[in-house]
Amino acid sequence: MTFVIGADCVDVLDKACIEECPVDCIVVGDRMAYINPDECTDCAACEPVCPVEAIHYEDDLPLGQEQFLLVNSRFFSEGAQI
């Protein structure tokens, strides 16, 4: 399981999660931050520091935000950005 950044991060770009991540798996794109699913160690350090509560376990994404699992993954595999 990995963490995923969802819709609440779009156009916020606070970056507190980046500073807290011990493995540097969070990257800022044009409009939001993304978690690299291949590098995330599930430590949960990023989750409590997110001011908009946009970070969730992949199985706990809010209803209607399931697409962000793919969005985060595609950012690293294809360079797709939101």
PDB file of N, CA and C in Angstrom:
ATOM      1  N   MET A   1       0.846  -1.173   0.000  1.00  0.00           N
ATOM      2  CA  MET A   1       0.000   0.000   0.000  1.00  0.00           C
ATOM      3  C   MET A   1       0.891   1.237   0.000  1.00  0.00           C
ATOM      4  N   THR A   2       0.396   2.317  -0.568  1.00  0.00           N
ATOM      5  CA  THR A   2       1.160   3.560  -0.622  1.00  0.00           C
ATOM      6  C   THR A   2       0.239   4.732  -0.323  1.00  0.00           C
ATOM      7  N   PHE A   3       0.816   5.871  -0.059  1.00  0.00           N
ATOM      8  CA  PHE A   3       0.030   7.077   0.138  1.00  0.00           C
ATOM      9  C   PHE A   3      -0.200   7.750  -1.211  1.00  0.00           C
ATOM     10  N   VAL A   4      -1.287   8.500  -1.290  1.00  0.00           N
ATOM     11  CA  VAL A   4      -1.686   9.181  -2.518  1.00  0.00           C
ATOM     12  C   VAL A   4      -2.110  10.598  -2.140  1.00  0.00           C
ATOM     13  N   ILE A   5      -1.755  11.547  -2.975  1.00  0.00           N
ATOM     14  CA  ILE A   5      -2.199  12.924  -2.779  1.00  0.00           C
ATOM     15  C   ILE A   5      -3.420  13.142  -3.656  1.00  0.00           C
ATOM     16  N   GLY A   6      -4.490  13.658  -3.047  1.00  0.00           N
ATOM     17  CA  GLY A   6      -5.761  13.804  -3.743  1.00  0.00           C
ATOM     18  C   GLY A   6      -6.096  15.231  -4.128  1.00  0.00           C
ATOM     19  N   ALA A   7      -7.367  15.428  -4.452  1.00  0.00           N
ATOM     20  CA  ALA A   7      -7.885  16.664  -5.024  1.00  0.00           C
ATOM     21  C   ALA A   7      -7.653  17.900  -4.163  1.00  0.00           C
ATOM     22  N   ASP A   8      -7.634  17.740  -2.862  1.00  0.00           N
ATOM     23  CA  ASP A   8      -7.496  18.909  -1.997  1.00  0.00           C
ATOM     24  C   ASP A   8      -6.150  19.614  -2.145  1.00  0.00           C
ATOM     25  N   CYS A   9      -5.190  18.959  -2.779  1.00  0.00           N
ATOM     26  CA  CYS A   9      -3.868  19.557  -2.975  1.00  0.00           C
ATOM     27  C   CYS A   9      -3.809  20.432  -4.236  1.00  0.00           C
ATOM     28  N   VAL A  10      -4.719  20.233  -5.158  1.00  0.00           N
ATOM     29  CA  VAL A  10      -4.676  20.974  -6.423  1.00  0.00           C
ATOM     30  C   VAL A  10      -4.689  22.481  -6.139  1.00  0.00           C
ATOM     31  N   ASP A  11      -3.699  23.165  -6.650  1.00  0.00           N
ATOM     32  CA  ASP A  11      -3.505  24.611  -6.527  1.00  0.00           C
ATOM     33  C   ASP A  11      -3.179  25.074  -5.110  1.00  0.00           C
ATOM     34  N   VAL A  12      -2.773  24.171  -4.208  1.00  0.00           N
ATOM     35  CA  VAL A  12      -2.381  24.564  -2.857  1.00  0.00           C
ATOM     36  C   VAL A  12      -0.861  24.652  -2.755  1.00  0.00           C
ATOM     37  N   LEU A  13      -0.168  23.571  -3.078  1.00  0.00           N
ATOM     38  CA  LEU A  13       1.305  23.534  -3.117  1.00  0.00           C
ATOM     39  C   LEU A  13       1.974  24.047  -1.850  1.00  0.00           C
ATOM     40  N   ASP A  14       1.537  23.579  -0.698  1.00  0.00           N
ATOM     41  CA  ASP A  14       2.083  23.989   0.592  1.00  0.00           C
ATOM     42  C   ASP A  14       3.518  23.503   0.807  1.00  0.00           C
ATOM     43  N   LYS A  15       3.847  22.322   0.393  1.00  0.00           N
ATOM     44  CA  LYS A  15       5.180  21.709   0.446  1.00  0.00           C
ATOM     45  C   LYS A  15       5.617  21.222   1.833  1.00  0.00           C
ATOM     46  N   ALA A  16       4.766  21.292   2.833  1.00  0.00           N
ATOM     47  CA  ALA A  16       5.124  20.767   4.156  1.00  0.00           C
ATOM     48  C   ALA A  16       5.380  19.267   4.074  1.00  0.00           C
ATOM     49  N   CYS A  17       4.640  18.584   3.223  1.00  0.00           N
ATOM     50  CA  CYS A  17       4.806  17.138   3.074  1.00  0.00           C
ATOM     51  C   CYS A  17       6.188  16.799   2.516  1.00  0.00           C
ATOM     52  N   ILE A  18       6.683  17.616   1.617  1.00  0.00           N
ATOM     53  CA  ILE A  18       8.000  17.380   1.011  1.00  0.00           C
ATOM     54  C   ILE A  18       9.091  17.482   2.069  1.00  0.00           C
ATOM     55  N   GLU A  19       8.987  18.483   2.922  1.00  0.00           N
ATOM     56  CA  GLU A  19       9.979  18.686   3.974  1.00  0.00           C
ATOM     57  C   GLU A  19       9.966  17.538   4.981  1.00  0.00           C
ATOM     58  N   GLU A  20       8.815  16.918   5.185  1.00  0.00           N
ATOM     59  CA  GLU A  20       8.674  15.860   6.186  1.00  0.00           C
ATOM     60  C   GLU A  20       9.045  14.474   5.665  1.00  0.00           C
ATOM     61  N   CYS A  21       8.991  14.268   4.363  1.00  0.00           N
ATOM     62  CA  CYS A  21       9.220  12.944   3.777  1.00  0.00           C
ATOM     63  C   CYS A  21      10.687  12.515   3.931  1.00  0.00           C
ATOM     64  N   PRO A  22      10.925  11.402   4.631  1.00  0.00           N
ATOM     65  CA  PRO A  22      12.312  10.967   4.845  1.00  0.00           C
ATOM     66  C   PRO A  22      12.972  10.314   3.630  1.00  0.00           C
ATOM     67  N   VAL A  23      12.182   9.927   2.625  1.00  0.00           N
ATOM     68  CA  VAL A  23      12.758   9.282   1.440  1.00  0.00           C
ATOM     69  C   VAL A  23      12.648  10.144   0.183  1.00  0.00           C
ATOM     70  N   ASP A  24      12.195  11.367   0.338  1.00  0.00           N
ATOM     71  CA  ASP A  24      12.087  12.309  -0.790  1.00  0.00           C
ATOM     72  C   ASP A  24      11.299  11.748  -1.968  1.00  0.00           C
ATOM     73  N   CYS A  25      10.149  11.162  -1.698  1.00  0.00           N
ATOM     74  CA  CYS A  25       9.345  10.583  -2.783  1.00  0.00           C
ATOM     75  C   CYS A  25       8.207  11.497  -3.215  1.00  0.00           C
ATOM     76  N   ILE A  26       8.148  12.713  -2.678  1.00  0.00           N
ATOM     77  CA  ILE A  26       7.090  13.655  -3.042  1.00  0.00           C
ATOM     78  C   ILE A  26       7.688  14.746  -3.914  1.00  0.00           C
ATOM     79  N   VAL A  27       7.020  15.006  -5.030  1.00  0.00           N
ATOM     80  CA  VAL A  27       7.490  15.977  -6.010  1.00  0.00           C
ATOM     81  C   VAL A  27       6.349  16.933  -6.343  1.00  0.00           C
ATOM     82  N   VAL A  28       6.671  18.203  -6.541  1.00  0.00           N
ATOM     83  CA  VAL A  28       5.661  19.195  -6.918  1.00  0.00           C
ATOM     84  C   VAL A  28       5.616  19.311  -8.425  1.00  0.00           C
ATOM     85  N   GLY A  29       4.396  19.228  -8.972  1.00  0.00           N
ATOM     86  CA  GLY A  29       4.172  19.435 -10.398  1.00  0.00           C
ATOM     87  C   GLY A  29       3.656  20.842 -10.626  1.00  0.00           C
ATOM     88  N   ASP A  30       2.976  21.040 -11.729  1.00  0.00           N
ATOM     89  CA  ASP A  30       2.453  22.367 -12.064  1.00  0.00           C
ATOM     90  C   ASP A  30       1.394  22.858 -11.081  1.00  0.00           C
ATOM     91  N   ARG A  31       0.480  21.951 -10.671  1.00  0.00           N
ATOM     92  CA  ARG A  31      -0.647  22.390  -9.845  1.00  0.00           C
ATOM     93  C   ARG A  31      -0.832  21.619  -8.551  1.00  0.00           C
ATOM     94  N   MET A  32      -0.048  20.570  -8.332  1.00  0.00           N
ATOM     95  CA  MET A  32      -0.179  19.793  -7.101  1.00  0.00           C
ATOM     96  C   MET A  32       1.088  18.999  -6.843  1.00  0.00           C
ATOM     97  N   ALA A  33       1.151  18.373  -5.685  1.00  0.00           N
ATOM     98  CA  ALA A  33       2.275  17.494  -5.357  1.00  0.00           C
ATOM     99  C   ALA A  33       1.870  16.054  -5.652  1.00  0.00           C
ATOM    100  N   TYR A  34       2.859  15.206  -5.866  1.00  0.00           N
ATOM    101  CA  TYR A  34       2.631  13.803  -6.218  1.00  0.00           C
ATOM    102  C   TYR A  34       3.551  12.923  -5.384  1.00  0.00           C
ATOM    103  N   ILE A  35       3.059  11.738  -5.009  1.00  0.00           N
ATOM    104  CA  ILE A  35       3.862  10.762  -4.276  1.00  0.00           C
ATOM    105  C   ILE A  35       4.232   9.634  -5.223  1.00  0.00           C
ATOM    106  N   ASN A  36       5.521   9.358  -5.317  1.00  0.00           N
ATOM    107  CA  ASN A  36       5.990   8.272  -6.166  1.00  0.00           C
ATOM    108  C   ASN A  36       5.650   6.940  -5.481  1.00  0.00           C
ATOM    109  N   PRO A  37       4.752   6.155  -6.067  1.00  0.00           N
ATOM    110  CA  PRO A  37       4.329   4.914  -5.419  1.00  0.00           C
ATOM    111  C   PRO A  37       5.427   3.866  -5.321  1.00  0.00           C
ATOM    112  N   ASP A  38       6.444   3.969  -6.167  1.00  0.00           N
ATOM    113  CA  ASP A  38       7.546   3.009  -6.120  1.00  0.00           C
ATOM    114  C   ASP A  38       8.566   3.341  -5.039  1.00  0.00           C
ATOM    115  N   GLU A  39       8.538   4.569  -4.549  1.00  0.00           N
ATOM    116  CA  GLU A  39       9.505   4.994  -3.544  1.00  0.00           C
ATOM    117  C   GLU A  39       8.897   5.193  -2.158  1.00  0.00           C
ATOM    118  N   CYS A  40       7.595   5.369  -2.082  1.00  0.00           N
ATOM    119  CA  CYS A  40       6.921   5.603  -0.806  1.00  0.00           C
ATOM    120  C   CYS A  40       7.101   4.388   0.100  1.00  0.00           C
ATOM    121  N   THR A  41       7.531   4.641   1.330  1.00  0.00           N
ATOM    122  CA  THR A  41       7.752   3.560   2.287  1.00  0.00           C
ATOM    123  C   THR A  41       6.598   3.415   3.275  1.00  0.00           C
ATOM    124  N   ASP A  42       5.523   4.127   3.056  1.00  0.00           N
ATOM    125  CA  ASP A  42       4.327   4.071   3.910  1.00  0.00           C
ATOM    126  C   ASP A  42       4.624   4.479   5.352  1.00  0.00           C
ATOM    127  N   CYS A  43       5.537   5.396   5.551  1.00  0.00           N
ATOM    128  CA  CYS A  43       5.902   5.805   6.910  1.00  0.00           C
ATOM    129  C   CYS A  43       4.851   6.713   7.539  1.00  0.00           C
ATOM    130  N   ALA A  44       4.018   7.348   6.726  1.00  0.00           N
ATOM    131  CA  ALA A  44       2.926   8.228   7.165  1.00  0.00           C
ATOM    132  C   ALA A  44       3.400   9.574   7.701  1.00  0.00           C
ATOM    133  N   ALA A  45       4.660   9.911   7.531  1.00  0.00           N
ATOM    134  CA  ALA A  45       5.165  11.186   8.037  1.00  0.00           C
ATOM    135  C   ALA A  45       4.512  12.384   7.342  1.00  0.00           C
ATOM    136  N   CYS A  46       4.163  12.233   6.100  1.00  0.00           N
ATOM    137  CA  CYS A  46       3.589  13.337   5.327  1.00  0.00           C
ATOM    138  C   CYS A  46       2.129  13.630   5.686  1.00  0.00           C
ATOM    139  N   GLU A  47       1.407  12.614   6.056  1.00  0.00           N
ATOM    140  CA  GLU A  47      -0.043  12.743   6.254  1.00  0.00           C
ATOM    141  C   GLU A  47      -0.431  13.795   7.298  1.00  0.00           C
ATOM    142  N   PRO A  48       0.129  13.772   8.506  1.00  0.00           N
ATOM    143  CA  PRO A  48      -0.321  14.737   9.513  1.00  0.00           C
ATOM    144  C   PRO A  48       0.110  16.182   9.266  1.00  0.00           C
ATOM    145  N   VAL A  49       1.116  16.411   8.425  1.00  0.00           N
ATOM    146  CA  VAL A  49       1.572  17.786   8.202  1.00  0.00           C
ATOM    147  C   VAL A  49       0.849  18.463   7.037  1.00  0.00           C
ATOM    148  N   CYS A  50       0.053  17.728   6.285  1.00  0.00           N
ATOM    149  CA  CYS A  50      -0.677  18.317   5.157  1.00  0.00           C
ATOM    150  C   CYS A  50      -1.775  19.241   5.689  1.00  0.00           C
ATOM    151  N   PRO A  51      -1.691  20.540   5.388  1.00  0.00           N
ATOM    152  CA  PRO A  51      -2.665  21.491   5.943  1.00  0.00           C
ATOM    153  C   PRO A  51      -4.079  21.337   5.369  1.00  0.00           C
ATOM    154  N   VAL A  52      -4.203  20.670   4.238  1.00  0.00           N
ATOM    155  CA  VAL A  52      -5.532  20.502   3.632  1.00  0.00           C
ATOM    156  C   VAL A  52      -6.006  19.052   3.669  1.00  0.00           C
ATOM    157  N   GLU A  53      -5.277  18.198   4.379  1.00  0.00           N
ATOM    158  CA  GLU A  53      -5.629  16.786   4.543  1.00  0.00           C
ATOM    159  C   GLU A  53      -5.862  16.093   3.203  1.00  0.00           C
ATOM    160  N   ALA A  54      -4.933  16.314   2.266  1.00  0.00           N
ATOM    161  CA  ALA A  54      -5.047  15.751   0.915  1.00  0.00           C
ATOM    162  C   ALA A  54      -4.348  14.404   0.766  1.00  0.00           C
ATOM    163  N   ILE A  55      -3.638  13.950   1.798  1.00  0.00           N
ATOM    164  CA  ILE A  55      -2.856  12.723   1.693  1.00  0.00           C
ATOM    165  C   ILE A  55      -3.596  11.578   2.371  1.00  0.00           C
ATOM    166  N   HIS A  56      -3.752  10.473   1.618  1.00  0.00           N
ATOM    167  CA  HIS A  56      -4.511   9.321   2.103  1.00  0.00           C
ATOM    168  C   HIS A  56      -3.809   8.029   1.703  1.00  0.00           C
ATOM    169  N   TYR A  57      -4.040   6.962   2.489  1.00  0.00           N
ATOM    170  CA  TYR A  57      -3.647   5.637   2.018  1.00  0.00           C
ATOM    171  C   TYR A  57      -4.431   5.350   0.753  1.00  0.00           C
ATOM    172  N   GLU A  58      -3.854   4.635  -0.172  1.00  0.00           N
ATOM    173  CA  GLU A  58      -4.525   4.372  -1.443  1.00  0.00           C
ATOM    174  C   GLU A  58      -5.885   3.703  -1.262  1.00  0.00           C
ATOM    175  N   ASP A  59      -6.043   2.872  -0.245  1.00  0.00           N
ATOM    176  CA  ASP A  59      -7.329   2.210  -0.004  1.00  0.00           C
ATOM    177  C   ASP A  59      -8.326   3.100   0.719  1.00  0.00           C
ATOM    178  N   ASP A  60      -7.878   4.269   1.181  1.00  0.00           N
ATOM    179  CA  ASP A  60      -8.740   5.170   1.942  1.00  0.00           C
ATOM    180  C   ASP A  60      -9.013   6.487   1.233  1.00  0.00           C
ATOM    181  N   LEU A  61      -8.798   6.534  -0.076  1.00  0.00           N
ATOM    182  CA  LEU A  61      -9.087   7.767  -0.816  1.00  0.00           C
ATOM    183  C   LEU A  61     -10.567   8.106  -0.679  1.00  0.00           C
ATOM    184  N   PRO A  62     -10.896   9.390  -0.501  1.00  0.00           N
ATOM    185  CA  PRO A  62     -12.301   9.773  -0.410  1.00  0.00           C
ATOM    186  C   PRO A  62     -13.064   9.378  -1.676  1.00  0.00           C
ATOM    187  N   LEU A  63     -14.315   9.111  -1.498  1.00  0.00           N
ATOM    188  CA  LEU A  63     -15.181   8.746  -2.613  1.00  0.00           C
ATOM    189  C   LEU A  63     -15.108   9.813  -3.703  1.00  0.00           C
ATOM    190  N   GLY A  64     -14.915   9.382  -4.922  1.00  0.00           N
ATOM    191  CA  GLY A  64     -14.816  10.283  -6.053  1.00  0.00           C
ATOM    192  C   GLY A  64     -13.385  10.729  -6.369  1.00  0.00           C
ATOM    193  N   GLN A  65     -12.420  10.310  -5.562  1.00  0.00           N
ATOM    194  CA  GLN A  65     -11.033  10.701  -5.803  1.00  0.00           C
ATOM    195  C   GLN A  65     -10.154   9.512  -6.179  1.00  0.00           C
ATOM    196  N   GLU A  66     -10.759   8.414  -6.522  1.00  0.00           N
ATOM    197  CA  GLU A  66     -10.012   7.204  -6.862  1.00  0.00           C
ATOM    198  C   GLU A  66      -9.044   7.423  -8.017  1.00  0.00           C
ATOM    199  N   GLN A  67      -9.365   8.336  -8.924  1.00  0.00           N
ATOM    200  CA  GLN A  67      -8.527   8.593 -10.085  1.00  0.00           C
ATOM    201  C   GLN A  67      -7.160   9.143  -9.691  1.00  0.00           C
ATOM    202  N   PHE A  68      -7.022   9.693  -8.489  1.00  0.00           N
ATOM    203  CA  PHE A  68      -5.745  10.256  -8.071  1.00  0.00           C
ATOM    204  C   PHE A  68      -4.691   9.186  -7.806  1.00  0.00           C
ATOM    205  N   LEU A  69      -5.110   7.960  -7.594  1.00  0.00           N
ATOM    206  CA  LEU A  69      -4.154   6.855  -7.502  1.00  0.00           C
ATOM    207  C   LEU A  69      -3.419   6.733  -8.832  1.00  0.00           C
ATOM    208  N   LEU A  70      -4.158   6.779  -9.930  1.00  0.00           N
ATOM    209  CA  LEU A  70      -3.571   6.723 -11.264  1.00  0.00           C
ATOM    210  C   LEU A  70      -2.823   8.018 -11.596  1.00  0.00           C
ATOM    211  N   VAL A  71      -3.375   9.145 -11.211  1.00  0.00           N
ATOM    212  CA  VAL A  71      -2.739  10.434 -11.487  1.00  0.00           C
ATOM    213  C   VAL A  71      -1.347  10.489 -10.861  1.00  0.00           C
ATOM    214  N   ASN A  72      -1.229  10.063  -9.591  1.00  0.00           N
ATOM    215  CA  ASN A  72       0.078  10.068  -8.920  1.00  0.00           C
ATOM    216  C   ASN A  72       1.046   9.120  -9.613  1.00  0.00           C
ATOM    217  N   SER A  73       0.581   7.941  -9.950  1.00  0.00           N
ATOM    218  CA  SER A  73       1.432   6.952 -10.605  1.00  0.00           C
ATOM    219  C   SER A  73       1.866   7.426 -11.992  1.00  0.00           C
ATOM    220  N   ARG A  74       0.932   7.965 -12.764  1.00  0.00           N
ATOM    221  CA  ARG A  74       1.248   8.418 -14.123  1.00  0.00           C
ATOM    222  C   ARG A  74       2.210   9.586 -14.147  1.00  0.00           C
ATOM    223  N   PHE A  75       2.178  10.423 -13.124  1.00  0.00           N
ATOM    224  CA  PHE A  75       3.097  11.554 -13.077  1.00  0.00           C
ATOM    225  C   PHE A  75       4.539  11.074 -13.180  1.00  0.00           C
ATOM    226  N   PHE A  76       4.844   9.959 -12.525  1.00  0.00           N
ATOM    227  CA  PHE A  76       6.210   9.435 -12.516  1.00  0.00           C
ATOM    228  C   PHE A  76       6.520   8.558 -13.709  1.00  0.00           C
ATOM    229  N   SER A  77       5.509   7.874 -14.248  1.00  0.00           N
ATOM    230  CA  SER A  77       5.776   6.987 -15.377  1.00  0.00           C
ATOM    231  C   SER A  77       5.671   7.687 -16.732  1.00  0.00           C
ATOM    232  N   GLU A  78       4.821   8.704 -16.819  1.00  0.00           N
ATOM    233  CA  GLU A  78       4.594   9.354 -18.107  1.00  0.00           C
ATOM    234  C   GLU A  78       4.842  10.845 -18.089  1.00  0.00           C
ATOM    235  N   GLY A  79       5.092  11.405 -16.926  1.00  0.00           N
ATOM    236  CA  GLY A  79       5.280  12.842 -16.834  1.00  0.00           C
ATOM    237  C   GLY A  79       3.984  13.622 -16.936  1.00  0.00           C
ATOM    238  N   ALA A  80       2.842  12.960 -16.758  1.00  0.00           N
ATOM    239  CA  ALA A  80       1.541  13.636 -16.808  1.00  0.00           C
ATOM    240  C   ALA A  80       1.404  14.540 -15.598  1.00  0.00           C
ATOM    241  N   GLN A  81       0.831  15.718 -15.781  1.00  0.00           N
ATOM    242  CA  GLN A  81       0.679  16.646 -14.684  1.00  0.00           C
ATOM    243  C   GLN A  81      -0.724  17.226 -14.653  1.00  0.00           C
ATOM    244  N   ILE A  82      -1.144  17.492 -13.438  1.00  0.00           N
ATOM    245  CA  ILE A  82      -2.419  18.223 -13.234  1.00  0.00           C
ATOM    246  C   ILE A  82      -2.042  19.584 -12.731  1.00  0.00           C
TER     247      ILE A  82
END
